């Protein structure tokens, strides 16, 4: 199986787009700024180009991780050592039968939602406790990331509908 870099790159834009909405003053922006201690003045003078490019690069790393979380066939490939050419005929038959199973936006979103609740929420909450931040701060950030990776995982897993399995499954 190949890594679908186009799907990951597309999904890597989701954190920025979601963040523009999530942290806008009409949604959670004012509360988030109050909880972080930031002000409009403190936000000025930041190099937005560096921030956006860095965000996209880091979001690509998240997308790479989510591809393995949401597409179960990567686990099957891992069981044979990663090189399908060395696999036994039974593996080829298995991938023929199940290579496209559970490849939908909804399935990817479900597994990413579970990752958000069971992995992201605890990590952000633990950091927030040690940083002496409020639960409101933790919930705003954890729910942002949970929603964001849910969408990202859905895009990555469901990309087959666009490319006809060409980049994510063997022919």
N, C-alpha and C. Protein backbone atom coordinates (compact mmCIF):
# COMPACT_ATOMS: atom_id res chain seq x y z
N UNK A 1 0.85 -1.18 0.00
CA UNK A 1 0.00 0.00 0.00
C UNK A 1 0.88 1.23 0.00
N UNK A 2 0.41 2.22 -0.68
CA UNK A 2 1.14 3.47 -0.75
C UNK A 2 0.47 4.51 0.14
N UNK A 3 1.28 5.42 0.63
CA UNK A 3 0.74 6.54 1.40
C UNK A 3 0.13 7.52 0.40
N UNK A 4 -1.07 7.96 0.68
CA UNK A 4 -1.78 8.87 -0.21
C UNK A 4 -1.45 10.31 0.18
N UNK A 5 -0.36 10.82 -0.38
CA UNK A 5 0.10 12.16 -0.01
C UNK A 5 -0.88 13.26 -0.41
N UNK A 6 -1.60 13.08 -1.49
CA UNK A 6 -2.56 14.11 -1.90
C UNK A 6 -3.70 14.22 -0.89
N UNK A 7 -4.21 13.09 -0.43
CA UNK A 7 -5.27 13.11 0.59
C UNK A 7 -4.76 13.73 1.88
N UNK A 8 -3.53 13.39 2.25
CA UNK A 8 -2.95 13.92 3.48
C UNK A 8 -2.74 15.42 3.36
N UNK A 9 -2.24 15.88 2.23
CA UNK A 9 -2.03 17.32 2.03
C UNK A 9 -3.36 18.07 2.07
N UNK A 10 -4.37 17.52 1.43
CA UNK A 10 -5.70 18.14 1.47
C UNK A 10 -6.23 18.19 2.90
N UNK A 11 -6.10 17.07 3.61
CA UNK A 11 -6.57 17.01 5.00
C UNK A 11 -5.77 17.94 5.91
N UNK A 12 -4.51 18.21 5.55
CA UNK A 12 -3.66 19.08 6.37
C UNK A 12 -4.14 20.53 6.37
N UNK A 13 -5.01 20.88 5.45
CA UNK A 13 -5.58 22.23 5.44
C UNK A 13 -6.73 22.37 6.44
N UNK A 14 -7.28 21.25 6.86
CA UNK A 14 -8.44 21.26 7.76
C UNK A 14 -8.17 21.97 9.08
N UNK A 15 -7.02 21.74 9.75
CA UNK A 15 -6.80 22.45 11.02
C UNK A 15 -6.84 23.97 10.89
N UNK A 16 -6.29 24.49 9.79
CA UNK A 16 -6.35 25.95 9.61
C UNK A 16 -7.78 26.42 9.39
N UNK A 17 -8.50 25.72 8.52
CA UNK A 17 -9.87 26.13 8.22
C UNK A 17 -10.77 25.99 9.46
N UNK A 18 -10.63 24.88 10.15
CA UNK A 18 -11.42 24.67 11.37
C UNK A 18 -11.03 25.70 12.42
N UNK A 19 -9.74 25.97 12.54
CA UNK A 19 -9.26 26.95 13.52
C UNK A 19 -9.78 28.35 13.27
N UNK A 20 -9.88 28.74 11.99
CA UNK A 20 -10.43 30.06 11.67
C UNK A 20 -11.85 30.20 12.22
N UNK A 21 -12.60 29.13 12.13
CA UNK A 21 -13.98 29.15 12.63
C UNK A 21 -14.00 28.98 14.15
N UNK A 22 -13.34 27.95 14.65
CA UNK A 22 -13.39 27.57 16.07
C UNK A 22 -12.93 28.70 16.98
N UNK A 23 -11.82 29.33 16.59
CA UNK A 23 -11.22 30.36 17.44
C UNK A 23 -11.62 31.77 17.03
N UNK A 24 -12.65 31.89 16.20
CA UNK A 24 -13.15 33.22 15.85
C UNK A 24 -13.89 33.80 17.05
N UNK A 25 -13.98 35.12 17.14
CA UNK A 25 -14.66 35.74 18.28
C UNK A 25 -16.11 35.31 18.45
N UNK A 26 -16.77 34.92 17.37
CA UNK A 26 -18.18 34.53 17.47
C UNK A 26 -18.37 33.10 17.96
N UNK A 27 -17.29 32.30 17.98
CA UNK A 27 -17.42 30.93 18.45
C UNK A 27 -16.71 30.82 19.80
N UNK A 28 -15.44 30.42 19.82
CA UNK A 28 -14.73 30.27 21.10
C UNK A 28 -13.56 31.23 21.26
N UNK A 29 -13.34 32.11 20.31
CA UNK A 29 -12.17 32.98 20.32
C UNK A 29 -12.03 33.85 21.55
N UNK A 30 -13.10 34.51 21.95
CA UNK A 30 -13.02 35.40 23.12
C UNK A 30 -12.76 34.62 24.39
N UNK A 31 -13.46 33.51 24.56
CA UNK A 31 -13.26 32.69 25.76
C UNK A 31 -11.86 32.10 25.76
N UNK A 32 -11.40 31.61 24.62
CA UNK A 32 -10.06 31.03 24.51
C UNK A 32 -9.00 32.07 24.86
N UNK A 33 -9.13 33.28 24.33
CA UNK A 33 -8.15 34.34 24.63
C UNK A 33 -8.14 34.66 26.12
N UNK A 34 -9.30 34.71 26.72
CA UNK A 34 -9.38 34.98 28.16
C UNK A 34 -8.72 33.85 28.95
N UNK A 35 -8.98 32.61 28.56
CA UNK A 35 -8.42 31.46 29.27
C UNK A 35 -6.91 31.33 29.09
N UNK A 36 -6.39 31.79 27.96
CA UNK A 36 -4.94 31.72 27.72
C UNK A 36 -4.21 32.94 28.25
N UNK A 37 -4.96 34.01 28.51
CA UNK A 37 -4.33 35.25 28.96
C UNK A 37 -3.81 36.09 27.80
N UNK A 38 -4.22 35.76 26.60
CA UNK A 38 -3.80 36.53 25.43
C UNK A 38 -4.72 37.73 25.23
N UNK A 39 -4.17 38.75 24.60
CA UNK A 39 -4.94 39.93 24.22
C UNK A 39 -4.72 40.18 22.73
N UNK A 40 -5.52 41.07 22.18
CA UNK A 40 -5.34 41.44 20.77
C UNK A 40 -3.93 42.00 20.54
N UNK A 41 -3.44 42.80 21.49
CA UNK A 41 -2.10 43.38 21.36
C UNK A 41 -1.02 42.30 21.37
N UNK A 42 -1.16 41.31 22.23
CA UNK A 42 -0.17 40.23 22.30
C UNK A 42 -0.18 39.39 21.02
N UNK A 43 -1.31 39.37 20.34
CA UNK A 43 -1.43 38.58 19.11
C UNK A 43 -0.78 39.28 17.92
N UNK A 44 -0.57 40.59 18.03
CA UNK A 44 0.03 41.35 16.92
C UNK A 44 1.53 41.08 16.86
N UNK A 45 2.08 41.26 15.68
CA UNK A 45 3.52 41.13 15.51
C UNK A 45 3.99 39.70 15.29
N UNK A 46 3.06 38.78 15.15
CA UNK A 46 3.42 37.39 14.90
C UNK A 46 3.62 37.22 13.39
N UNK A 47 4.58 36.42 12.99
CA UNK A 47 4.81 36.16 11.58
C UNK A 47 3.81 35.09 11.11
N UNK A 48 2.71 35.55 10.51
CA UNK A 48 1.64 34.63 10.12
C UNK A 48 2.08 33.63 9.06
N UNK A 49 2.96 34.05 8.16
CA UNK A 49 3.44 33.13 7.13
C UNK A 49 4.14 31.93 7.73
N UNK A 50 5.04 32.19 8.65
CA UNK A 50 5.76 31.10 9.33
C UNK A 50 4.78 30.25 10.12
N UNK A 51 3.83 30.90 10.79
CA UNK A 51 2.85 30.17 11.59
C UNK A 51 1.99 29.25 10.72
N UNK A 52 1.51 29.76 9.58
CA UNK A 52 0.65 28.96 8.71
C UNK A 52 1.43 27.82 8.06
N UNK A 53 2.63 28.09 7.57
CA UNK A 53 3.43 27.04 6.94
C UNK A 53 3.80 25.97 7.96
N UNK A 54 4.20 26.40 9.15
CA UNK A 54 4.52 25.44 10.21
C UNK A 54 3.29 24.60 10.57
N UNK A 55 2.14 25.25 10.62
CA UNK A 55 0.90 24.53 10.93
C UNK A 55 0.60 23.47 9.88
N UNK A 56 0.80 23.80 8.62
CA UNK A 56 0.53 22.84 7.55
C UNK A 56 1.52 21.67 7.63
N UNK A 57 2.79 21.96 7.85
CA UNK A 57 3.79 20.89 7.96
C UNK A 57 3.45 19.96 9.12
N UNK A 58 3.12 20.53 10.27
CA UNK A 58 2.76 19.71 11.43
C UNK A 58 1.45 18.96 11.19
N UNK A 59 0.53 19.57 10.46
CA UNK A 59 -0.73 18.90 10.14
C UNK A 59 -0.52 17.73 9.17
N UNK A 60 0.50 17.83 8.33
CA UNK A 60 0.84 16.70 7.46
C UNK A 60 1.28 15.51 8.31
N UNK A 61 2.04 15.78 9.37
CA UNK A 61 2.44 14.70 10.28
C UNK A 61 1.22 14.05 10.94
N UNK A 62 0.25 14.87 11.33
CA UNK A 62 -0.98 14.34 11.91
C UNK A 62 -1.70 13.47 10.87
N UNK A 63 -1.75 13.95 9.63
CA UNK A 63 -2.39 13.19 8.56
C UNK A 63 -1.71 11.86 8.31
N UNK A 64 -0.39 11.83 8.36
CA UNK A 64 0.33 10.56 8.19
C UNK A 64 -0.08 9.58 9.28
N UNK A 65 -0.17 10.05 10.50
CA UNK A 65 -0.60 9.19 11.61
C UNK A 65 -2.04 8.71 11.39
N UNK A 66 -2.92 9.63 10.99
CA UNK A 66 -4.33 9.27 10.83
C UNK A 66 -4.54 8.26 9.71
N UNK A 67 -3.69 8.27 8.69
CA UNK A 67 -3.85 7.29 7.62
C UNK A 67 -3.71 5.88 8.18
N UNK A 68 -2.80 5.69 9.12
CA UNK A 68 -2.62 4.37 9.72
C UNK A 68 -3.71 4.03 10.72
N UNK A 69 -4.30 5.06 11.33
CA UNK A 69 -5.40 4.84 12.28
C UNK A 69 -6.69 4.48 11.56
N UNK A 70 -6.94 5.10 10.42
CA UNK A 70 -8.24 4.97 9.77
C UNK A 70 -8.29 3.92 8.67
N UNK A 71 -7.17 3.56 8.10
CA UNK A 71 -7.15 2.58 7.01
C UNK A 71 -6.54 1.29 7.55
N UNK A 72 -7.39 0.34 7.86
CA UNK A 72 -6.97 -0.88 8.54
C UNK A 72 -6.05 -1.75 7.69
N UNK A 73 -6.12 -1.60 6.39
CA UNK A 73 -5.31 -2.43 5.52
C UNK A 73 -3.81 -2.18 5.74
N UNK A 74 -3.46 -1.00 6.26
CA UNK A 74 -2.05 -0.76 6.59
C UNK A 74 -1.58 -1.73 7.66
N UNK A 75 -2.47 -2.11 8.57
CA UNK A 75 -2.12 -3.09 9.60
C UNK A 75 -1.84 -4.45 9.01
N UNK A 76 -2.63 -4.82 8.01
CA UNK A 76 -2.40 -6.11 7.34
C UNK A 76 -1.07 -6.11 6.62
N UNK A 77 -0.74 -5.01 5.98
CA UNK A 77 0.55 -4.90 5.29
C UNK A 77 1.68 -4.97 6.31
N UNK A 78 1.49 -4.35 7.45
CA UNK A 78 2.50 -4.39 8.50
C UNK A 78 2.75 -5.79 9.02
N UNK A 79 1.73 -6.63 9.01
CA UNK A 79 1.87 -8.00 9.50
C UNK A 79 2.81 -8.84 8.63
N UNK A 80 2.96 -8.46 7.37
CA UNK A 80 3.85 -9.22 6.49
C UNK A 80 5.21 -8.54 6.33
N UNK A 81 5.46 -7.52 7.10
CA UNK A 81 6.75 -6.85 7.05
C UNK A 81 6.79 -5.66 6.13
N UNK A 82 5.66 -5.28 5.55
CA UNK A 82 5.58 -4.07 4.76
C UNK A 82 5.81 -4.21 3.27
N UNK A 83 6.27 -5.34 2.80
CA UNK A 83 6.51 -5.51 1.37
C UNK A 83 5.53 -6.53 0.80
N UNK A 84 4.44 -6.06 0.16
CA UNK A 84 3.43 -6.98 -0.38
C UNK A 84 3.98 -7.95 -1.43
N UNK A 85 5.09 -7.59 -2.09
CA UNK A 85 5.66 -8.48 -3.10
C UNK A 85 6.20 -9.78 -2.49
N UNK A 86 6.51 -9.75 -1.20
CA UNK A 86 7.04 -10.93 -0.52
C UNK A 86 5.95 -11.74 0.18
N UNK A 87 4.71 -11.31 0.03
CA UNK A 87 3.60 -11.95 0.74
C UNK A 87 3.23 -13.29 0.11
N UNK A 88 2.63 -14.11 0.92
CA UNK A 88 2.11 -15.40 0.45
C UNK A 88 0.83 -15.15 -0.35
N UNK A 89 0.45 -16.10 -1.18
CA UNK A 89 -0.79 -15.94 -1.97
C UNK A 89 -2.02 -15.67 -1.10
N UNK A 90 -2.02 -16.18 0.12
CA UNK A 90 -3.18 -15.95 0.99
C UNK A 90 -3.35 -14.47 1.31
N UNK A 91 -2.24 -13.73 1.43
CA UNK A 91 -2.32 -12.30 1.69
C UNK A 91 -2.92 -11.58 0.48
N UNK A 92 -2.47 -11.96 -0.70
CA UNK A 92 -3.00 -11.34 -1.92
C UNK A 92 -4.50 -11.59 -2.03
N UNK A 93 -4.92 -12.81 -1.70
CA UNK A 93 -6.35 -13.12 -1.73
C UNK A 93 -7.10 -12.31 -0.68
N UNK A 94 -6.51 -12.19 0.49
CA UNK A 94 -7.13 -11.40 1.56
C UNK A 94 -7.31 -9.95 1.12
N UNK A 95 -6.25 -9.36 0.57
CA UNK A 95 -6.33 -7.96 0.13
C UNK A 95 -7.31 -7.80 -1.03
N UNK A 96 -7.40 -8.82 -1.88
CA UNK A 96 -8.37 -8.76 -2.97
C UNK A 96 -9.78 -8.72 -2.41
N UNK A 97 -10.03 -9.51 -1.38
CA UNK A 97 -11.36 -9.57 -0.77
C UNK A 97 -11.65 -8.38 0.14
N UNK A 98 -10.65 -7.91 0.87
CA UNK A 98 -10.89 -6.90 1.92
C UNK A 98 -10.09 -5.61 1.74
N UNK A 99 -9.37 -5.48 0.64
CA UNK A 99 -8.51 -4.32 0.44
C UNK A 99 -9.23 -2.99 0.37
N UNK A 100 -10.51 -3.04 0.07
CA UNK A 100 -11.28 -1.79 0.00
C UNK A 100 -12.36 -1.72 1.08
N UNK A 101 -12.32 -2.64 2.03
CA UNK A 101 -13.35 -2.66 3.08
C UNK A 101 -13.15 -1.50 4.06
N UNK A 102 -14.24 -0.98 4.51
CA UNK A 102 -14.25 0.09 5.52
C UNK A 102 -13.48 1.32 5.05
N UNK A 103 -13.64 1.66 3.81
CA UNK A 103 -13.00 2.85 3.27
C UNK A 103 -14.08 3.87 2.96
N UNK A 104 -14.44 4.63 3.96
CA UNK A 104 -15.45 5.67 3.76
C UNK A 104 -15.14 6.84 4.66
N UNK A 105 -15.74 7.97 4.34
CA UNK A 105 -15.58 9.15 5.19
C UNK A 105 -16.06 8.84 6.60
N UNK A 106 -17.21 8.21 6.70
CA UNK A 106 -17.79 7.91 8.02
C UNK A 106 -16.92 7.00 8.86
N UNK A 107 -16.32 5.99 8.23
CA UNK A 107 -15.47 5.07 8.98
C UNK A 107 -14.20 5.78 9.47
N UNK A 108 -13.60 6.56 8.60
CA UNK A 108 -12.41 7.32 9.00
C UNK A 108 -12.73 8.33 10.08
N UNK A 109 -13.89 8.97 9.96
CA UNK A 109 -14.31 9.94 10.97
C UNK A 109 -14.54 9.26 12.31
N UNK A 110 -15.15 8.08 12.30
CA UNK A 110 -15.40 7.36 13.55
C UNK A 110 -14.10 7.03 14.28
N UNK A 111 -13.14 6.47 13.57
CA UNK A 111 -11.87 6.11 14.21
C UNK A 111 -11.09 7.34 14.66
N UNK A 112 -11.19 8.41 13.91
CA UNK A 112 -10.52 9.65 14.32
C UNK A 112 -11.22 10.28 15.51
N UNK A 113 -12.54 10.20 15.56
CA UNK A 113 -13.29 10.68 16.73
C UNK A 113 -12.86 9.91 17.97
N UNK A 114 -12.75 8.60 17.85
CA UNK A 114 -12.30 7.79 18.99
C UNK A 114 -10.88 8.18 19.40
N UNK A 115 -10.02 8.46 18.42
CA UNK A 115 -8.66 8.91 18.72
C UNK A 115 -8.69 10.24 19.46
N UNK A 116 -9.58 11.13 19.04
CA UNK A 116 -9.71 12.42 19.71
C UNK A 116 -10.14 12.28 21.16
N UNK A 117 -11.14 11.45 21.39
CA UNK A 117 -11.67 11.29 22.75
C UNK A 117 -10.71 10.51 23.64
N UNK A 118 -10.11 9.45 23.11
CA UNK A 118 -9.30 8.54 23.93
C UNK A 118 -7.81 8.89 23.96
N UNK A 119 -7.36 9.78 23.09
CA UNK A 119 -5.94 10.10 23.01
C UNK A 119 -5.70 11.60 23.17
N UNK A 120 -6.34 12.41 22.34
CA UNK A 120 -6.11 13.85 22.35
C UNK A 120 -6.66 14.50 23.61
N UNK A 121 -7.90 14.21 23.96
CA UNK A 121 -8.51 14.80 25.16
C UNK A 121 -7.68 14.55 26.41
N UNK A 122 -7.26 13.32 26.69
CA UNK A 122 -6.43 13.12 27.89
C UNK A 122 -5.09 13.86 27.83
N UNK A 123 -4.44 13.88 26.66
CA UNK A 123 -3.14 14.56 26.57
C UNK A 123 -3.28 16.06 26.82
N UNK A 124 -4.24 16.68 26.17
CA UNK A 124 -4.42 18.12 26.36
C UNK A 124 -4.85 18.42 27.79
N UNK A 125 -5.70 17.60 28.35
CA UNK A 125 -6.17 17.82 29.72
C UNK A 125 -5.04 17.68 30.73
N UNK A 126 -4.18 16.69 30.54
CA UNK A 126 -3.03 16.53 31.44
C UNK A 126 -2.12 17.75 31.36
N UNK A 127 -1.81 18.19 30.14
CA UNK A 127 -0.99 19.40 29.99
C UNK A 127 -1.65 20.59 30.65
N UNK A 128 -2.94 20.76 30.43
CA UNK A 128 -3.66 21.90 31.01
C UNK A 128 -3.60 21.89 32.53
N UNK A 129 -3.72 20.71 33.12
CA UNK A 129 -3.64 20.63 34.59
C UNK A 129 -2.27 21.09 35.10
N UNK A 130 -1.21 20.62 34.46
CA UNK A 130 0.13 21.00 34.90
C UNK A 130 0.46 22.45 34.57
N UNK A 131 -0.17 22.99 33.54
CA UNK A 131 0.02 24.40 33.19
C UNK A 131 -0.87 25.31 34.03
N UNK A 132 -1.68 24.71 34.87
CA UNK A 132 -2.63 25.44 35.73
C UNK A 132 -3.66 26.20 34.91
N UNK A 133 -4.06 25.58 33.81
CA UNK A 133 -5.11 26.15 32.96
C UNK A 133 -6.45 25.58 33.39
N UNK A 134 -7.50 26.26 32.99
CA UNK A 134 -8.85 25.84 33.39
C UNK A 134 -9.33 24.66 32.54
N UNK A 135 -10.38 24.01 33.05
CA UNK A 135 -11.00 22.94 32.27
C UNK A 135 -11.64 23.50 31.01
N UNK A 136 -12.08 24.74 31.08
CA UNK A 136 -12.65 25.38 29.89
C UNK A 136 -11.59 25.46 28.79
N UNK A 137 -10.39 25.86 29.17
CA UNK A 137 -9.27 25.92 28.22
C UNK A 137 -9.02 24.53 27.61
N UNK A 138 -8.95 23.52 28.46
CA UNK A 138 -8.69 22.15 28.00
C UNK A 138 -9.79 21.68 27.06
N UNK A 139 -11.03 21.93 27.41
CA UNK A 139 -12.15 21.46 26.59
C UNK A 139 -12.24 22.19 25.25
N UNK A 140 -11.96 23.49 25.25
CA UNK A 140 -11.97 24.23 23.99
C UNK A 140 -10.93 23.65 23.04
N UNK A 141 -9.71 23.46 23.53
CA UNK A 141 -8.64 22.95 22.68
C UNK A 141 -8.83 21.48 22.31
N UNK A 142 -9.20 20.66 23.28
CA UNK A 142 -9.39 19.23 23.00
C UNK A 142 -10.55 19.00 22.04
N UNK A 143 -11.63 19.74 22.21
CA UNK A 143 -12.76 19.56 21.30
C UNK A 143 -12.42 20.09 19.91
N UNK A 144 -11.64 21.17 19.84
CA UNK A 144 -11.17 21.65 18.53
C UNK A 144 -10.39 20.55 17.81
N UNK A 145 -9.43 19.94 18.52
CA UNK A 145 -8.61 18.92 17.88
C UNK A 145 -9.41 17.66 17.58
N UNK A 146 -10.37 17.34 18.41
CA UNK A 146 -11.19 16.16 18.15
C UNK A 146 -12.04 16.37 16.90
N UNK A 147 -12.67 17.52 16.78
CA UNK A 147 -13.45 17.84 15.58
C UNK A 147 -12.54 17.86 14.36
N UNK A 148 -11.38 18.49 14.51
CA UNK A 148 -10.45 18.63 13.39
C UNK A 148 -9.95 17.29 12.89
N UNK A 149 -9.48 16.43 13.80
CA UNK A 149 -8.96 15.14 13.32
C UNK A 149 -10.08 14.22 12.86
N UNK A 150 -11.29 14.43 13.36
CA UNK A 150 -12.43 13.65 12.86
C UNK A 150 -12.65 13.96 11.38
N UNK A 151 -12.61 15.22 11.03
CA UNK A 151 -12.76 15.61 9.62
C UNK A 151 -11.57 15.13 8.80
N UNK A 152 -10.36 15.31 9.33
CA UNK A 152 -9.15 14.87 8.62
C UNK A 152 -9.18 13.37 8.35
N UNK A 153 -9.51 12.59 9.37
CA UNK A 153 -9.56 11.13 9.20
C UNK A 153 -10.62 10.71 8.22
N UNK A 154 -11.75 11.41 8.22
CA UNK A 154 -12.80 11.11 7.25
C UNK A 154 -12.33 11.36 5.83
N UNK A 155 -11.64 12.47 5.63
CA UNK A 155 -11.12 12.79 4.29
C UNK A 155 -10.10 11.75 3.85
N UNK A 156 -9.17 11.43 4.74
CA UNK A 156 -8.09 10.50 4.38
C UNK A 156 -8.65 9.11 4.08
N UNK A 157 -9.52 8.61 4.92
CA UNK A 157 -10.07 7.27 4.72
C UNK A 157 -11.04 7.23 3.53
N UNK A 158 -11.79 8.29 3.33
CA UNK A 158 -12.79 8.30 2.28
C UNK A 158 -12.28 8.75 0.92
N UNK A 159 -11.01 9.05 0.81
CA UNK A 159 -10.46 9.58 -0.44
C UNK A 159 -10.65 8.62 -1.61
N UNK A 160 -10.83 7.33 -1.35
CA UNK A 160 -10.97 6.35 -2.44
C UNK A 160 -12.12 6.71 -3.36
N UNK A 161 -13.14 7.35 -2.85
CA UNK A 161 -14.29 7.71 -3.69
C UNK A 161 -13.88 8.68 -4.78
N UNK A 162 -12.81 9.43 -4.53
CA UNK A 162 -12.34 10.40 -5.52
C UNK A 162 -11.39 9.75 -6.51
N UNK A 163 -10.43 8.95 -5.99
CA UNK A 163 -9.39 8.43 -6.89
C UNK A 163 -9.59 6.98 -7.30
N UNK A 164 -10.70 6.37 -6.91
CA UNK A 164 -10.97 5.01 -7.33
C UNK A 164 -9.97 3.99 -6.83
N UNK A 165 -9.47 4.17 -5.64
CA UNK A 165 -8.51 3.27 -4.99
C UNK A 165 -7.12 3.32 -5.61
N UNK A 166 -6.89 4.17 -6.59
CA UNK A 166 -5.63 4.11 -7.32
C UNK A 166 -4.39 4.31 -6.45
N UNK A 167 -4.48 5.16 -5.45
CA UNK A 167 -3.28 5.47 -4.68
C UNK A 167 -3.23 4.78 -3.33
N UNK A 168 -4.28 4.11 -2.95
CA UNK A 168 -4.30 3.55 -1.60
C UNK A 168 -4.43 2.03 -1.57
N UNK A 169 -4.65 1.40 -2.67
CA UNK A 169 -4.75 -0.07 -2.67
C UNK A 169 -3.96 -0.63 -3.84
N UNK A 170 -3.62 -1.88 -3.71
CA UNK A 170 -2.91 -2.55 -4.81
C UNK A 170 -3.89 -2.82 -5.94
N UNK A 171 -3.35 -2.90 -7.12
CA UNK A 171 -4.18 -3.26 -8.27
C UNK A 171 -4.06 -4.72 -8.55
